[in-house]
Amino acid sequence: MKHYFCGMKSKERVLLGMSGGTDSSVAAMRLQDAGYEVTGVTFRFYEKDGATNYLDDARSLASRLGIEHVTYDAREMFRSRIIRYFIDEYLAGHTPVPCTLCNNELKWALLAKIADEKGIYWVSTGHYVRKVLQGGKYYMAPAVDKDKDQTFFLWGLKQDIMRRMLLPMGDITKVEARAFAKARGFHEVATKKDSIGVCFCPLLQREADVRRLPGKGKFIDENGRFLGWHEGYPFYTIGQRRGLGIQMNKAVFVKEISVEKNEVVLAPLSSLYKQEMWLKAWNLVEDSRVFCAEEVIVKIRYRKQSNRCRVTLTAGGLLHVRLIEPLESIATGQAAAFYAKDGLLLGGGIIV
């Protein structure tokens, strides 16, 4: 099993997605150290309150490193394919996974497209993940930094993209990345805060206002008894406990969401456990490693529990996942990622 970053021929060209943050900045330096000729591209996806300082940061870094830098305006594409999906899923009572969709269908595809236009073969980002070749197929493998590992978001990538990927951050930790930047004299890069969450969440409220959705609705228990009022079903997700705005003498979680009635069912955690789920829009590196396996590992949350399961293909083309032990808060729209016991990412899909 070979890890793919070092050992390539020097002076080969690589297109690197540069956000202006710590990870992609350090990735640029490490690629240069490995002998690659780096071209940086910064995508304009979404700019909160019109802020474009990240563009200046990326340009400044590229200038200091002596590399070519370009910007690519993908704002309309991001709005139509990611933000629209995000809002529509919430309005359907589902739990969206915008980071998964963005990585699998937008970010890496755009990198490959721009690289092709520039005659560049390799593509790269600052993702904390590794790539390995096993049995003639490329797999994503967990990063050395388990707290930063991002394999969960990349199960939808196909071989044509994976074979071109260089992942210089997979074999170091975030602490080491910050120390690396500081040692090179890039103090601002070393101290940048990590980006967290989805930056466009406020758009959900704006969209709700535009569409004139029903506002307050009922919180009910599993037997239909009224418990209190909520702000509108799109603002809740299956398994949610915090931010419900209701005082109870016991811990309760969102169990079900009724779009038609604008009702949200609250229940104790014990009521949220299920032992099976079905996946659509699935992608597997090698079918036999999942369908023929006695057990594989499945995760439905980034950085959360791993669960053993068996997977079969239904007549309707869905993946049926039978969990060895029940799992709580399985929600329509969530992603599920499959792993081998050695940690290799085998694929994944979207829960229906």
Protein backbone atom coordinates (compact mmCIF):
# COMPACT_ATOMS: atom_id res chain seq x y z
CA MET A 1 0.00 0.00 0.00
CA LYS A 2 1.62 3.23 -1.16
CA HIS A 3 0.78 6.74 0.05
CA TYR A 4 0.74 9.31 -2.73
CA PHE A 5 2.35 12.67 -2.23
CA CYS A 6 6.12 12.43 -2.08
CA GLY A 7 8.17 10.52 -4.59
CA MET A 8 6.77 12.11 -7.75
CA LYS A 9 9.01 13.65 -10.39
CA SER A 10 10.09 17.17 -9.58
CA LYS A 11 9.08 20.20 -11.64
CA GLU A 12 5.70 18.71 -12.51
CA ARG A 13 2.86 21.23 -12.44
CA VAL A 14 0.03 21.15 -9.92
CA LEU A 15 -3.09 23.30 -9.53
CA LEU A 16 -3.77 24.03 -5.87
CA GLY A 17 -7.04 25.30 -4.45
CA MET A 18 -6.00 28.22 -2.21
CA SER A 19 -8.54 29.63 0.23
CA GLY A 20 -6.07 31.95 1.92
CA GLY A 21 -6.24 29.90 5.13
CA THR A 22 -3.58 27.99 7.02
CA ASP A 23 -4.08 24.57 5.42
CA SER A 24 -3.97 25.52 1.75
CA SER A 25 -1.13 27.97 2.41
CA VAL A 26 1.02 25.31 4.05
CA ALA A 27 0.02 22.92 1.26
CA ALA A 28 1.49 25.36 -1.26
CA MET A 29 4.79 25.49 0.60
CA ARG A 30 5.01 21.72 0.99
CA LEU A 31 4.27 21.17 -2.69
CA GLN A 32 7.07 23.57 -3.57
CA ASP A 33 9.39 21.75 -1.19
CA ALA A 34 8.55 18.51 -2.98
CA GLY A 35 9.63 20.05 -6.28
CA TYR A 36 6.29 20.91 -7.88
CA GLU A 37 5.58 24.00 -9.94
CA VAL A 38 2.48 25.33 -8.16
CA THR A 39 -0.34 27.41 -9.61
CA GLY A 40 -2.89 28.61 -7.06
CA VAL A 41 -6.58 29.14 -7.74
CA THR A 42 -8.97 30.80 -5.31
CA PHE A 43 -12.65 30.09 -5.83
CA ARG A 44 -15.21 32.77 -5.16
CA PHE A 45 -18.01 30.61 -3.76
CA TYR A 46 -19.76 32.68 -1.11
CA GLU A 47 -18.69 35.97 0.43
CA LYS A 48 -20.34 36.75 3.72
CA ASP A 49 -21.32 40.41 3.83
CA GLY A 50 -19.32 40.92 0.64
CA ALA A 51 -15.97 40.37 2.38
CA THR A 52 -13.15 39.57 -0.07
CA ASN A 53 -10.12 39.78 2.22
CA TYR A 54 -9.48 36.07 1.62
CA LEU A 55 -8.71 36.91 -2.02
CA ASP A 56 -6.09 39.43 -0.93
CA ASP A 57 -4.60 36.91 1.49
CA ALA A 58 -4.30 34.25 -1.22
CA ARG A 59 -2.79 36.69 -3.74
CA SER A 60 -0.31 37.97 -1.16
CA LEU A 61 0.81 34.47 -0.25
CA ALA A 62 1.19 33.46 -3.90
CA SER A 63 3.29 36.56 -4.52
CA ARG A 64 5.57 35.79 -1.58
CA LEU A 65 6.00 32.21 -2.78
CA GLY A 66 6.58 33.30 -6.37
CA ILE A 67 3.75 31.23 -7.82
CA GLU A 68 1.06 32.03 -10.37
CA HIS A 69 -2.33 32.81 -8.87
CA VAL A 70 -5.78 33.09 -10.46
CA THR A 71 -9.29 33.61 -9.13
CA TYR A 72 -12.37 31.79 -10.39
CA ASP A 73 -15.83 33.25 -9.89
CA ALA A 74 -18.10 30.30 -9.07
CA ARG A 75 -20.64 32.27 -7.02
CA GLU A 76 -23.59 31.64 -9.30
CA MET A 77 -22.73 27.96 -9.59
CA PHE A 78 -22.37 27.70 -5.83
CA ARG A 79 -25.71 29.42 -5.29
CA SER A 80 -27.59 27.26 -7.78
CA ARG A 81 -26.03 23.91 -6.84
CA ILE A 82 -25.10 24.17 -3.17
CA ILE A 83 -27.06 26.94 -1.46
CA ARG A 84 -30.27 26.09 -3.34
CA TYR A 85 -29.87 22.43 -2.43
CA PHE A 86 -29.15 23.37 1.20
CA ILE A 87 -32.29 25.47 1.50
CA ASP A 88 -34.53 23.05 -0.38
CA GLU A 89 -33.45 20.17 1.84
CA TYR A 90 -34.32 22.08 5.00
CA LEU A 91 -37.65 23.12 3.53
CA ALA A 92 -38.35 19.45 2.78
CA GLY A 93 -37.67 18.54 6.41
CA HIS A 94 -34.37 16.82 5.56
CA THR A 95 -30.84 17.16 6.93
CA PRO A 96 -28.56 18.52 4.17
CA VAL A 97 -24.83 17.82 3.77
CA PRO A 98 -23.56 20.83 1.76
CA CYS A 99 -19.84 20.22 2.42
CA THR A 100 -20.13 16.70 1.02
CA LEU A 101 -21.98 17.89 -2.07
CA CYS A 102 -19.58 20.77 -2.62
CA ASN A 103 -16.50 18.57 -2.45
CA ASN A 104 -17.84 15.72 -4.54
CA GLU A 105 -19.67 17.65 -7.24
CA LEU A 106 -18.18 21.13 -7.37
CA LYS A 107 -14.78 21.88 -5.84
CA TRP A 108 -12.72 18.95 -7.16
CA ALA A 109 -14.52 18.93 -10.51
CA LEU A 110 -13.73 22.62 -11.00
CA LEU A 111 -10.09 22.05 -10.05
CA ALA A 112 -9.83 19.34 -12.70
CA LYS A 113 -11.59 21.53 -15.29
CA ILE A 114 -9.29 24.51 -14.74
CA ALA A 115 -6.22 22.27 -14.62
CA ASP A 116 -7.19 20.77 -17.98
CA GLU A 117 -7.57 24.24 -19.48
CA LYS A 118 -4.07 25.12 -18.25
CA GLY A 119 -2.51 21.85 -19.33
CA ILE A 120 -1.84 20.81 -15.72
CA TYR A 121 -2.23 17.19 -14.63
CA TRP A 122 -2.06 17.27 -10.82
CA VAL A 123 -4.70 18.90 -8.60
CA SER A 124 -4.39 19.57 -4.89
CA THR A 125 -6.00 21.13 -1.82
CA GLY A 126 -5.26 21.53 1.88
CA HIS A 127 -7.54 18.66 2.87
CA TYR A 128 -6.37 16.51 5.77
CA VAL A 129 -6.59 13.16 4.01
CA ARG A 130 -4.24 10.70 2.31
CA LYS A 131 -4.49 8.69 -0.90
CA VAL A 132 -3.40 5.10 -1.36
CA LEU A 133 -3.30 2.65 -4.27
CA GLN A 134 -4.58 -0.81 -3.44
CA GLY A 135 -5.66 -3.57 -5.83
CA GLY A 136 -5.40 -1.21 -8.80
CA LYS A 137 -7.82 1.32 -7.27
CA TYR A 138 -7.21 4.59 -5.46
CA TYR A 139 -8.71 5.05 -2.01
CA MET A 140 -8.89 7.94 0.42
CA ALA A 141 -7.15 7.05 3.70
CA PRO A 142 -7.43 8.82 7.07
CA ALA A 143 -5.05 11.66 7.81
CA VAL A 144 -2.38 11.37 10.46
CA ASP A 145 -4.31 14.05 12.39
CA LYS A 146 -7.42 12.09 13.37
CA ASP A 147 -9.15 15.23 14.69
CA LYS A 148 -8.82 16.92 11.30
CA ASP A 149 -9.38 13.89 9.04
CA GLN A 150 -11.76 14.86 6.18
CA THR A 151 -12.30 11.54 4.41
CA PHE A 152 -15.97 11.60 5.43
CA PHE A 153 -16.68 14.37 2.90
CA LEU A 154 -14.95 12.72 -0.08
CA TRP A 155 -16.80 9.42 -0.61
CA GLY A 156 -18.32 10.62 -3.90
CA LEU A 157 -15.04 11.18 -5.75
CA LYS A 158 -14.41 9.00 -8.80
CA GLN A 159 -11.15 7.41 -9.94
CA ASP A 160 -10.57 9.96 -12.72
CA ILE A 161 -10.24 12.68 -10.06
CA MET A 162 -8.56 10.60 -7.36
CA ARG A 163 -5.67 9.47 -9.54
CA ARG A 164 -4.76 13.15 -10.13
CA MET A 165 -4.94 14.25 -6.49
CA LEU A 166 -1.93 15.33 -4.43
CA LEU A 167 -2.65 15.70 -0.71
CA PRO A 168 0.30 17.31 1.08
CA MET A 169 -1.49 17.78 4.43
CA GLY A 170 -2.41 14.17 5.04
CA ASP A 171 0.79 13.21 6.82
CA ILE A 172 1.05 16.13 9.27
CA THR A 173 -1.09 17.48 12.11
CA LYS A 174 -2.69 20.91 12.31
CA VAL A 175 -0.29 21.81 15.12
CA GLU A 176 2.63 20.86 12.89
CA ALA A 177 1.12 22.87 10.01
CA ARG A 178 0.97 26.01 12.14
CA ALA A 179 4.54 25.45 13.35
CA PHE A 180 5.66 24.91 9.74
CA ALA A 181 4.18 28.25 8.64
CA LYS A 182 5.64 30.08 11.63
CA ALA A 183 9.11 28.65 10.98
CA ARG A 184 8.92 29.98 7.41
CA GLY A 185 8.06 33.45 8.64
CA PHE A 186 4.38 33.32 7.72
CA HIS A 187 3.04 34.34 11.14
CA GLU A 188 -0.40 35.43 9.93
CA VAL A 189 -0.85 32.09 8.18
CA ALA A 190 0.23 30.25 11.34
CA THR A 191 -2.36 31.97 13.53
CA LYS A 192 -5.42 32.01 11.30
CA LYS A 193 -8.60 30.65 12.85
CA ASP A 194 -10.17 27.52 11.42
CA SER A 195 -13.36 28.00 9.43
CA ILE A 196 -16.31 26.24 11.06
CA GLY A 197 -19.88 25.51 10.08
CA VAL A 198 -21.82 26.60 7.03
CA CYS A 199 -21.31 30.31 6.35
CA PHE A 200 -24.61 30.81 4.56
CA CYS A 201 -27.01 29.53 7.26
CA PRO A 202 -28.66 32.97 7.64
CA LEU A 203 -30.00 32.55 4.09
CA LEU A 204 -32.44 29.96 5.40
CA GLN A 205 -34.30 32.61 7.40
CA ARG A 206 -34.28 34.95 4.40
CA GLU A 207 -35.63 32.21 2.14
CA ALA A 208 -38.34 31.36 4.66
CA ASP A 209 -39.44 35.00 4.65
CA VAL A 210 -39.49 35.17 0.84
CA ARG A 211 -41.51 31.97 0.47
CA ARG A 212 -43.92 32.98 3.25
CA LEU A 213 -43.65 29.63 4.99
CA PRO A 214 -45.89 28.94 7.97
CA GLY A 215 -44.22 30.35 11.04
CA LYS A 216 -44.86 28.99 14.48
CA GLY A 217 -45.92 25.37 14.71
CA LYS A 218 -46.52 22.72 17.35
CA PHE A 219 -44.03 20.66 19.26
CA ILE A 220 -45.75 17.36 20.04
CA ASP A 221 -44.73 14.14 21.73
CA GLU A 222 -44.83 10.66 20.19
CA ASN A 223 -48.51 10.33 21.09
CA GLY A 224 -49.47 13.63 19.49
CA ARG A 225 -49.80 15.59 22.73
CA PHE A 226 -49.04 19.31 22.50
CA LEU A 227 -45.79 20.32 24.21
CA GLY A 228 -45.24 23.90 23.07
CA TRP A 229 -44.59 26.13 20.08
CA HIS A 230 -41.63 26.19 17.68
CA GLU A 231 -40.39 28.75 15.15
CA GLY A 232 -41.13 26.69 12.03
CA TYR A 233 -40.11 23.15 11.03
CA PRO A 234 -37.23 24.14 8.63
CA PHE A 235 -35.18 25.32 11.59
CA TYR A 236 -34.92 21.87 13.19
CA THR A 237 -33.18 18.62 12.27
CA ILE A 238 -33.54 15.01 13.36
CA GLY A 239 -31.59 14.35 16.55
CA GLN A 240 -31.42 18.01 17.57
CA ARG A 241 -31.46 18.69 21.31
CA ARG A 242 -30.08 22.17 21.80
CA GLY A 243 -31.76 25.36 20.69
CA LEU A 244 -35.29 23.96 20.76
CA GLY A 245 -36.59 26.86 22.82
CA ILE A 246 -38.75 24.69 25.02
CA GLN A 247 -38.35 23.86 28.70
CA MET A 248 -38.84 20.20 29.63
CA ASN A 249 -38.11 18.31 32.84
CA LYS A 250 -36.18 15.71 30.82
CA ALA A 251 -33.89 15.63 27.80
CA VAL A 252 -35.80 15.47 24.52
CA PHE A 253 -34.67 15.32 20.88
CA VAL A 254 -36.25 15.91 17.49
CA LYS A 255 -37.56 12.54 16.33
CA GLU A 256 -39.73 13.43 13.33
CA ILE A 257 -40.61 16.48 11.24
CA SER A 258 -43.98 16.90 9.52
CA VAL A 259 -43.73 19.37 6.66
CA GLU A 260 -47.46 19.21 5.87
CA LYS A 261 -48.57 19.94 9.45
CA ASN A 262 -45.59 22.12 10.45
CA GLU A 263 -45.15 19.87 13.47
CA VAL A 264 -42.00 18.65 15.19
CA VAL A 265 -42.08 15.46 17.26
CA LEU A 266 -39.94 15.45 20.40
CA ALA A 267 -38.96 12.25 22.15
CA PRO A 268 -36.33 10.77 24.49
CA LEU A 269 -33.11 9.62 22.85
CA SER A 270 -34.12 5.97 23.27
CA SER A 271 -36.89 6.51 20.71
CA LEU A 272 -34.49 7.70 18.00
CA TYR A 273 -32.62 4.41 17.49
CA LYS A 274 -32.94 2.48 14.22
CA GLN A 275 -31.22 -0.62 12.89
CA GLU A 276 -31.38 -0.04 9.13
CA MET A 277 -31.26 2.66 6.49
CA TRP A 278 -31.29 2.99 2.71
CA LEU A 279 -28.95 5.07 0.54
CA LYS A 280 -29.37 6.74 -2.84
CA ALA A 281 -26.79 8.49 -5.06
CA TRP A 282 -24.18 6.08 -3.76
CA ASN A 283 -20.61 5.63 -4.94
CA LEU A 284 -18.26 2.75 -4.12
CA VAL A 285 -14.58 2.39 -5.05
CA GLU A 286 -14.91 -1.39 -5.37
CA ASP A 287 -18.41 -2.93 -5.05
CA SER A 288 -17.16 -6.31 -3.84
CA ARG A 289 -15.42 -4.77 -0.81
CA VAL A 290 -18.82 -3.60 0.44
CA PHE A 291 -21.44 -6.04 -0.90
CA CYS A 292 -19.41 -9.18 -0.24
CA ALA A 293 -17.95 -8.12 3.10
CA GLU A 294 -19.14 -9.82 6.24
CA GLU A 295 -19.03 -6.42 7.91
CA VAL A 296 -17.98 -2.88 7.00
CA ILE A 297 -17.83 0.28 9.08
CA VAL A 298 -20.37 3.06 8.47
CA LYS A 299 -20.38 6.62 9.78
CA ILE A 300 -23.24 9.11 9.42
CA ARG A 301 -21.55 12.01 11.20
CA TYR A 302 -18.17 13.64 10.79
CA ARG A 303 -15.90 12.83 13.76
CA LYS A 304 -18.64 10.76 15.38
CA GLN A 305 -19.21 7.10 16.11
CA SER A 306 -18.29 4.28 13.77
CA ASN A 307 -20.82 1.45 13.42
CA ARG A 308 -20.53 -2.06 12.03
CA CYS A 309 -23.00 -3.00 9.31
CA ARG A 310 -23.79 -5.26 6.37
CA VAL A 311 -24.69 -3.78 2.99
CA THR A 312 -26.80 -5.20 0.16
CA LEU A 313 -28.14 -3.82 -3.11
CA THR A 314 -31.94 -3.64 -3.44
CA ALA A 315 -33.91 -4.37 -6.59
CA GLY A 316 -34.62 -0.65 -6.84
CA GLY A 317 -30.94 0.27 -6.88
CA LEU A 318 -30.67 1.52 -3.30
CA LEU A 319 -28.12 0.34 -0.77
CA HIS A 320 -29.70 -1.37 2.22
CA VAL A 321 -27.58 -0.92 5.33
CA ARG A 322 -28.32 -3.29 8.19
CA LEU A 323 -26.62 -2.11 11.38
CA ILE A 324 -25.19 -4.67 13.77
CA GLU A 325 -26.16 -2.39 16.66
CA PRO A 326 -28.91 0.28 16.55
CA LEU A 327 -27.88 3.87 15.82
CA GLU A 328 -29.70 7.03 16.86
CA SER A 329 -30.79 10.05 14.81
CA ILE A 330 -30.62 8.60 11.30
CA ALA A 331 -32.12 11.33 9.10
CA THR A 332 -33.15 11.63 5.47
CA GLY A 333 -30.61 13.70 3.56
CA GLN A 334 -27.61 12.82 5.72
CA ALA A 335 -24.53 11.25 4.22
CA ALA A 336 -23.29 7.80 5.19
CA ALA A 337 -19.67 6.84 4.53
CA PHE A 338 -18.27 3.29 4.46
CA TYR A 339 -14.84 2.34 5.76
CA ALA A 340 -12.75 -0.81 5.81
CA LYS A 341 -11.32 -2.01 9.10
CA ASP A 342 -7.94 -0.56 8.11
CA GLY A 343 -9.53 2.88 7.73
CA LEU A 344 -9.73 3.10 3.93
CA LEU A 345 -12.77 5.00 2.66
CA LEU A 346 -14.83 2.56 0.57
CA GLY A 347 -17.60 4.90 -0.57
CA GLY A 348 -20.90 6.24 0.65
CA GLY A 349 -24.32 7.60 -0.22
CA ILE A 350 -27.24 9.77 0.86
CA ILE A 351 -29.83 8.48 3.33
CA VAL A 352 -33.44 8.27 2.13
